């Protein structure tokens, strides 16, 4: 399930409710694709993930909610990547090669859009 709202800065904030709580292992997994900050000393660790100015994620470990902020111009591409990123996370064997390929393609598409392509 997801809820959306447009923010005053023009970005779109979307709340996702997952079927399972977010495991602590996702923090290391997300580091493969962007910058992660975690407040691990809290009773329920809080984390943020940022992939440049493309999109960011905020949430808490062991919670089923994730909050994702998208840039409207690239949202159609970044939302697909976010979905695959979360669906592809497996604490035992994430398919990093497929996700890295998608990550590279996403960056290429967004660069093309911002320079007048697509």
Protein backbone atom coordinates (compact mmCIF):
# COMPACT_ATOMS: atom_id res chain seq x y z
CA UNK A 1 0.00 0.00 0.00
CA UNK A 2 1.21 3.51 -0.67
CA UNK A 3 0.11 7.06 0.07
CA UNK A 4 1.47 10.13 -1.71
CA UNK A 5 1.65 13.85 -1.16
CA UNK A 6 3.37 16.67 -2.99
CA UNK A 7 5.78 18.67 -0.87
CA UNK A 8 6.29 22.42 -0.91
CA UNK A 9 9.73 21.94 -2.56
CA UNK A 10 8.06 20.17 -5.51
CA UNK A 11 9.15 16.65 -4.57
CA UNK A 12 6.71 13.80 -4.06
CA UNK A 13 6.71 12.00 -0.72
CA UNK A 14 5.34 8.50 -0.86
CA UNK A 15 4.73 6.26 2.14
CA UNK A 16 4.97 2.53 1.51
CA UNK A 17 3.63 -0.12 3.86
CA UNK A 18 5.57 -3.37 3.43
CA UNK A 19 4.37 -6.90 4.12
CA UNK A 20 7.34 -7.59 6.41
CA UNK A 21 9.25 -5.38 8.86
CA UNK A 22 12.46 -3.86 7.51
CA UNK A 23 15.42 -5.98 8.74
CA UNK A 24 18.65 -4.41 10.03
CA UNK A 25 20.53 -6.04 7.11
CA UNK A 26 18.94 -3.65 4.65
CA UNK A 27 21.28 -0.89 5.84
CA UNK A 28 24.37 -2.64 4.46
CA UNK A 29 22.45 -3.63 1.34
CA UNK A 30 21.41 -0.05 0.55
CA UNK A 31 25.02 1.14 0.94
CA UNK A 32 25.71 -0.60 -2.39
CA UNK A 33 23.60 2.05 -4.17
CA UNK A 34 23.94 5.30 -2.27
CA UNK A 35 24.68 6.94 1.06
CA UNK A 36 23.19 5.46 4.22
CA UNK A 37 23.12 6.99 7.67
CA UNK A 38 21.86 4.98 10.61
CA UNK A 39 21.15 5.90 14.19
CA UNK A 40 21.81 2.41 15.49
CA UNK A 41 22.05 3.38 19.16
CA UNK A 42 18.30 3.93 19.37
CA UNK A 43 15.89 1.29 20.68
CA UNK A 44 14.46 1.08 17.16
CA UNK A 45 17.25 2.14 14.75
CA UNK A 46 16.41 4.93 12.30
CA UNK A 47 18.04 4.99 8.84
CA UNK A 48 18.18 7.26 5.82
CA UNK A 49 19.29 6.37 2.31
CA UNK A 50 20.16 8.93 -0.34
CA UNK A 51 20.91 8.31 -3.98
CA UNK A 52 22.24 11.76 -4.84
CA UNK A 53 19.40 14.14 -5.59
CA UNK A 54 17.46 11.38 -7.35
CA UNK A 55 15.54 9.99 -4.38
CA UNK A 56 15.85 9.21 -0.70
CA UNK A 57 14.38 6.76 1.78
CA UNK A 58 13.73 7.14 5.51
CA UNK A 59 12.50 4.56 7.93
CA UNK A 60 13.03 2.53 11.05
CA UNK A 61 14.40 -0.99 11.37
CA UNK A 62 11.70 -3.51 12.36
CA UNK A 63 8.95 -1.22 11.05
CA UNK A 64 6.82 -1.90 7.97
CA UNK A 65 6.75 1.72 6.78
CA UNK A 66 9.24 3.35 4.39
CA UNK A 67 9.06 6.99 3.31
CA UNK A 68 10.48 7.77 -0.13
CA UNK A 69 10.97 11.26 -1.58
CA UNK A 70 11.10 11.45 -5.37
CA UNK A 71 11.99 14.16 -7.86
CA UNK A 72 8.91 14.41 -10.14
CA UNK A 73 10.91 14.55 -13.39
CA UNK A 74 12.48 11.15 -12.80
CA UNK A 75 9.86 9.52 -10.58
CA UNK A 76 8.63 7.04 -13.19
CA UNK A 77 12.14 5.56 -13.38
CA UNK A 78 13.14 5.86 -9.74
CA UNK A 79 9.94 4.30 -8.43
CA UNK A 80 10.57 1.19 -10.52
CA UNK A 81 14.15 1.02 -9.22
CA UNK A 82 13.00 1.50 -5.61
CA UNK A 83 10.44 -1.29 -5.98
CA UNK A 84 13.00 -3.69 -7.45
CA UNK A 85 15.52 -2.69 -4.82
CA UNK A 86 13.15 -3.53 -1.99
CA UNK A 87 11.75 -6.65 -3.65
CA UNK A 88 15.27 -7.79 -4.51
CA UNK A 89 16.55 -7.52 -0.97
CA UNK A 90 17.19 -10.94 0.49
CA UNK A 91 19.29 -11.20 3.61
CA UNK A 92 20.84 -14.41 2.29
CA UNK A 93 21.54 -13.65 -1.36
CA UNK A 94 20.60 -10.30 -2.90
CA UNK A 95 21.07 -10.23 -6.66
CA UNK A 96 23.46 -7.31 -6.64
CA UNK A 97 24.53 -7.65 -10.26
CA UNK A 98 21.01 -7.19 -11.61
CA UNK A 99 20.39 -4.26 -9.29
CA UNK A 100 23.73 -2.64 -10.14
CA UNK A 101 22.83 -2.90 -13.82
CA UNK A 102 19.44 -1.27 -13.15
CA UNK A 103 21.17 1.39 -11.04
CA UNK A 104 23.51 2.26 -13.93
CA UNK A 105 20.61 2.35 -16.39
CA UNK A 106 18.62 4.57 -14.04
CA UNK A 107 21.47 7.05 -13.70
CA UNK A 108 21.86 7.07 -17.50
CA UNK A 109 18.10 7.71 -18.05
CA UNK A 110 17.98 10.49 -15.49
CA UNK A 111 21.07 12.12 -16.94
CA UNK A 112 19.44 11.91 -20.37
CA UNK A 113 16.18 13.47 -19.06
CA UNK A 114 17.97 16.30 -17.27
CA UNK A 115 20.00 17.11 -20.41
CA UNK A 116 16.89 17.21 -22.62
CA UNK A 117 16.73 13.59 -23.78
CA UNK A 118 13.95 10.99 -23.45
